[in-house]
Amino acid sequence: MKQIDIILLIILGSALILGALIFFLSGIYKVKKDRVMVIEKLEQFYGLYPEGTYFFMPLIYKRKGVYTIVKMEKDVHIEGLREMIITYQVVDVKKYHYYDGDVTKCVEETYKNNPDLDEESLRAELEGIGIKYLGIRAK
């Protein structure tokens, strides 16, 4: 075997090993404190994973979202109303994720259905998408 052939095989072998290493390392996920990760297997819900480090086989399992599960505040502006700040906490990550994780969208839809925007209807709508309503105040 010629020296050029050996060098070519070494380069090709190294590239394959490096590619395989990168492929498998791409399946490692680290979830930080006070967060939950949503994993899907072949485009179907697979599970929720709290704080920690996990390995999932690439191409089969996919991380679809990471959500904070502590008390949060969000500025919401709805046309025709003053800006407000909603305080909430995600309690059902699966529901919240599949609703697209959008508090503003939920408040806007609630306002369209109930222009008075009373707290009880807002609380019920938010609970329907996995959120615990903690309060609202004007900005």
C-alpha atoms as a PDB file:
ATOM      1  CA  MET A   1       0.000   0.000   0.000  1.00  0.00           C
ATOM      2  CA  LYS A   2       1.288   3.420  -0.875  1.00  0.00           C
ATOM      3  CA  GLN A   3       1.990   6.038   1.752  1.00  0.00           C
ATOM      4  CA  ILE A   4      -0.685   8.327   0.230  1.00  0.00           C
ATOM      5  CA  ASP A   5      -3.293   5.558   0.567  1.00  0.00           C
ATOM      6  CA  ILE A   6      -2.418   5.063   4.239  1.00  0.00           C
ATOM      7  CA  ILE A   7      -2.652   8.793   4.940  1.00  0.00           C
ATOM      8  CA  LEU A   8      -6.001   8.926   3.149  1.00  0.00           C
ATOM      9  CA  LEU A   9      -7.321   6.013   5.242  1.00  0.00           C
ATOM     10  CA  ILE A  10      -6.112   7.663   8.458  1.00  0.00           C
ATOM     11  CA  ILE A  11      -7.832  10.936   7.532  1.00  0.00           C
ATOM     12  CA  LEU A  12     -11.034   9.144   6.521  1.00  0.00           C
ATOM     13  CA  GLY A  13     -11.036   7.019   9.704  1.00  0.00           C
ATOM     14  CA  SER A  14     -10.403  10.081  11.885  1.00  0.00           C
ATOM     15  CA  ALA A  15     -13.246  11.971  10.196  1.00  0.00           C
ATOM     16  CA  LEU A  16     -15.642   9.051  10.766  1.00  0.00           C
ATOM     17  CA  ILE A  17     -14.654   8.740  14.441  1.00  0.00           C
ATOM     18  CA  LEU A  18     -14.973  12.498  14.976  1.00  0.00           C
ATOM     19  CA  GLY A  19     -18.365  12.531  13.228  1.00  0.00           C
ATOM     20  CA  ALA A  20     -19.646   9.634  15.345  1.00  0.00           C
ATOM     21  CA  LEU A  21     -18.399  11.346  18.517  1.00  0.00           C
ATOM     22  CA  ILE A  22     -20.152  14.607  17.628  1.00  0.00           C
ATOM     23  CA  PHE A  23     -23.322  12.689  16.702  1.00  0.00           C
ATOM     24  CA  PHE A  24     -23.499  10.964  20.095  1.00  0.00           C
ATOM     25  CA  LEU A  25     -22.515  14.066  22.067  1.00  0.00           C
ATOM     26  CA  SER A  26     -25.420  15.926  20.442  1.00  0.00           C
ATOM     27  CA  GLY A  27     -27.739  13.655  22.441  1.00  0.00           C
ATOM     28  CA  ILE A  28     -26.569  14.991  25.820  1.00  0.00           C
ATOM     29  CA  TYR A  29     -28.866  17.549  27.443  1.00  0.00           C
ATOM     30  CA  LYS A  30     -28.422  19.437  30.702  1.00  0.00           C
ATOM     31  CA  VAL A  31     -31.500  20.824  32.432  1.00  0.00           C
ATOM     32  CA  LYS A  32     -30.836  23.654  34.874  1.00  0.00           C
ATOM     33  CA  LYS A  33     -32.434  24.152  38.275  1.00  0.00           C
ATOM     34  CA  ASP A  34     -36.128  25.208  38.275  1.00  0.00           C
ATOM     35  CA  ARG A  35     -36.643  24.076  34.675  1.00  0.00           C
ATOM     36  CA  VAL A  36     -38.306  21.112  32.980  1.00  0.00           C
ATOM     37  CA  MET A  37     -37.463  19.719  29.537  1.00  0.00           C
ATOM     38  CA  VAL A  38     -40.024  18.234  27.124  1.00  0.00           C
ATOM     39  CA  ILE A  39     -38.749  15.291  25.048  1.00  0.00           C
ATOM     40  CA  GLU A  40     -40.490  13.750  22.043  1.00  0.00           C
ATOM     41  CA  LYS A  41     -39.700  10.352  20.546  1.00  0.00           C
ATOM     42  CA  LEU A  42     -40.434  10.108  16.823  1.00  0.00           C
ATOM     43  CA  GLU A  43     -42.626  13.248  17.021  1.00  0.00           C
ATOM     44  CA  GLN A  44     -44.755  11.889  19.907  1.00  0.00           C
ATOM     45  CA  PHE A  45     -44.635  13.082  23.522  1.00  0.00           C
ATOM     46  CA  TYR A  46     -42.128  10.950  25.447  1.00  0.00           C
ATOM     47  CA  GLY A  47     -41.619  12.619  28.815  1.00  0.00           C
ATOM     48  CA  LEU A  48     -40.794  15.529  31.101  1.00  0.00           C
ATOM     49  CA  TYR A  49     -37.333  15.734  32.623  1.00  0.00           C
ATOM     50  CA  PRO A  50     -36.423  17.925  35.623  1.00  0.00           C
ATOM     51  CA  GLU A  51     -32.997  19.220  36.638  1.00  0.00           C
ATOM     52  CA  GLY A  52     -30.158  16.918  35.639  1.00  0.00           C
ATOM     53  CA  THR A  53     -28.087  15.623  32.727  1.00  0.00           C
ATOM     54  CA  TYR A  54     -29.631  13.206  30.241  1.00  0.00           C
ATOM     55  CA  PHE A  55     -28.666  11.295  27.122  1.00  0.00           C
ATOM     56  CA  PHE A  56     -31.147  10.648  24.328  1.00  0.00           C
ATOM     57  CA  MET A  57     -30.301   8.946  21.038  1.00  0.00           C
ATOM     58  CA  PRO A  58     -30.089  11.672  18.358  1.00  0.00           C
ATOM     59  CA  LEU A  59     -32.602  11.572  15.489  1.00  0.00           C
ATOM     60  CA  ILE A  60     -35.006   9.418  17.529  1.00  0.00           C
ATOM     61  CA  TYR A  61     -35.463  11.676  20.566  1.00  0.00           C
ATOM     62  CA  LYS A  62     -35.739  15.465  20.320  1.00  0.00           C
ATOM     63  CA  ARG A  63     -35.780  18.201  22.900  1.00  0.00           C
ATOM     64  CA  LYS A  64     -38.883  20.235  22.138  1.00  0.00           C
ATOM     65  CA  GLY A  65     -38.736  22.809  24.902  1.00  0.00           C
ATOM     66  CA  VAL A  66     -37.328  23.814  28.264  1.00  0.00           C
ATOM     67  CA  TYR A  67     -39.633  25.714  30.596  1.00  0.00           C
ATOM     68  CA  THR A  68     -39.125  27.625  33.837  1.00  0.00           C
ATOM     69  CA  ILE A  69     -41.364  26.344  36.626  1.00  0.00           C
ATOM     70  CA  VAL A  70     -40.901  29.124  39.179  1.00  0.00           C
ATOM     71  CA  LYS A  71     -42.982  32.263  39.711  1.00  0.00           C
ATOM     72  CA  MET A  72     -42.710  34.590  36.691  1.00  0.00           C
ATOM     73  CA  GLU A  73     -44.034  37.941  35.566  1.00  0.00           C
ATOM     74  CA  LYS A  74     -44.991  38.869  32.030  1.00  0.00           C
ATOM     75  CA  ASP A  75     -45.848  42.261  30.533  1.00  0.00           C
ATOM     76  CA  VAL A  76     -49.044  41.955  28.515  1.00  0.00           C
ATOM     77  CA  HIS A  77     -50.437  44.608  26.229  1.00  0.00           C
ATOM     78  CA  ILE A  78     -53.860  44.112  24.696  1.00  0.00           C
ATOM     79  CA  GLU A  79     -55.187  46.698  22.291  1.00  0.00           C
ATOM     80  CA  GLY A  80     -57.895  48.688  24.019  1.00  0.00           C
ATOM     81  CA  LEU A  81     -56.587  47.979  27.524  1.00  0.00           C
ATOM     82  CA  ARG A  82     -53.771  49.355  29.603  1.00  0.00           C
ATOM     83  CA  GLU A  83     -50.585  47.399  29.832  1.00  0.00           C
ATOM     84  CA  MET A  84     -50.580  44.951  32.696  1.00  0.00           C
ATOM     85  CA  ILE A  85     -48.224  42.578  34.426  1.00  0.00           C
ATOM     86  CA  ILE A  86     -49.410  39.033  35.048  1.00  0.00           C
ATOM     87  CA  THR A  87     -47.752  36.940  37.732  1.00  0.00           C
ATOM     88  CA  TYR A  88     -47.991  33.200  37.136  1.00  0.00           C
ATOM     89  CA  GLN A  89     -46.311  29.831  37.520  1.00  0.00           C
ATOM     90  CA  VAL A  90     -46.258  26.918  35.088  1.00  0.00           C
ATOM     91  CA  VAL A  91     -47.638  23.856  36.926  1.00  0.00           C
ATOM     92  CA  ASP A  92     -48.491  21.515  34.034  1.00  0.00           C
ATOM     93  CA  VAL A  93     -45.570  21.699  31.608  1.00  0.00           C
ATOM     94  CA  LYS A  94     -47.097  19.284  29.094  1.00  0.00           C
ATOM     95  CA  LYS A  95     -50.310  21.339  28.704  1.00  0.00           C
ATOM     96  CA  TYR A  96     -48.327  24.570  28.587  1.00  0.00           C
ATOM     97  CA  HIS A  97     -45.942  23.224  25.937  1.00  0.00           C
ATOM     98  CA  TYR A  98     -48.648  21.967  23.604  1.00  0.00           C
ATOM     99  CA  TYR A  99     -50.477  25.290  23.925  1.00  0.00           C
ATOM    100  CA  ASP A 100     -47.275  26.864  22.555  1.00  0.00           C
ATOM    101  CA  GLY A 101     -46.270  28.323  25.902  1.00  0.00           C
ATOM    102  CA  ASP A 102     -47.767  31.739  25.205  1.00  0.00           C
ATOM    103  CA  VAL A 103     -49.419  33.554  28.123  1.00  0.00           C
ATOM    104  CA  THR A 104     -50.084  36.676  26.053  1.00  0.00           C
ATOM    105  CA  LYS A 105     -52.042  34.670  23.482  1.00  0.00           C
ATOM    106  CA  CYS A 106     -54.197  33.146  26.225  1.00  0.00           C
ATOM    107  CA  VAL A 107     -54.947  36.543  27.785  1.00  0.00           C
ATOM    108  CA  GLU A 108     -55.826  38.019  24.378  1.00  0.00           C
ATOM    109  CA  GLU A 109     -58.214  35.144  23.613  1.00  0.00           C
ATOM    110  CA  THR A 110     -59.822  35.493  27.050  1.00  0.00           C
ATOM    111  CA  TYR A 111     -60.270  39.227  26.471  1.00  0.00           C
ATOM    112  CA  LYS A 112     -61.920  38.612  23.072  1.00  0.00           C
ATOM    113  CA  ASN A 113     -64.399  36.198  24.683  1.00  0.00           C
ATOM    114  CA  ASN A 114     -64.926  38.340  27.779  1.00  0.00           C
ATOM    115  CA  PRO A 115     -64.189  42.075  27.219  1.00  0.00           C
ATOM    116  CA  ASP A 116     -64.646  42.776  30.955  1.00  0.00           C
ATOM    117  CA  LEU A 117     -61.626  40.508  31.616  1.00  0.00           C
ATOM    118  CA  ASP A 118     -62.600  39.508  35.130  1.00  0.00           C
ATOM    119  CA  GLU A 119     -60.026  37.610  37.169  1.00  0.00           C
ATOM    120  CA  GLU A 120     -62.075  34.421  37.502  1.00  0.00           C
ATOM    121  CA  SER A 121     -62.383  33.881  33.735  1.00  0.00           C
ATOM    122  CA  LEU A 122     -58.680  34.677  33.322  1.00  0.00           C
ATOM    123  CA  ARG A 123     -57.786  32.242  36.116  1.00  0.00           C
ATOM    124  CA  ALA A 124     -59.897  29.486  34.513  1.00  0.00           C
ATOM    125  CA  GLU A 125     -58.347  30.021  31.061  1.00  0.00           C
ATOM    126  CA  LEU A 126     -54.811  30.025  32.422  1.00  0.00           C
ATOM    127  CA  GLU A 127     -55.447  26.866  34.450  1.00  0.00           C
ATOM    128  CA  GLY A 128     -56.701  25.250  31.240  1.00  0.00           C
ATOM    129  CA  ILE A 129     -53.245  25.651  29.695  1.00  0.00           C
ATOM    130  CA  GLY A 130     -51.294  24.503  32.755  1.00  0.00           C
ATOM    131  CA  ILE A 131     -50.654  27.831  34.463  1.00  0.00           C
ATOM    132  CA  LYS A 132     -51.342  28.783  38.068  1.00  0.00           C
ATOM    133  CA  TYR A 133     -52.571  32.385  38.077  1.00  0.00           C
ATOM    134  CA  LEU A 134     -50.983  34.376  40.907  1.00  0.00           C
ATOM    135  CA  GLY A 135     -52.087  37.932  40.178  1.00  0.00           C
ATOM    136  CA  ILE A 136     -52.421  40.856  37.813  1.00  0.00           C
ATOM    137  CA  ARG A 137     -51.580  44.515  38.188  1.00  0.00           C
ATOM    138  CA  ALA A 138     -51.483  47.609  36.003  1.00  0.00           C
ATOM    139  CA  LYS A 139     -48.117  48.629  34.648  1.00  0.00           C
END
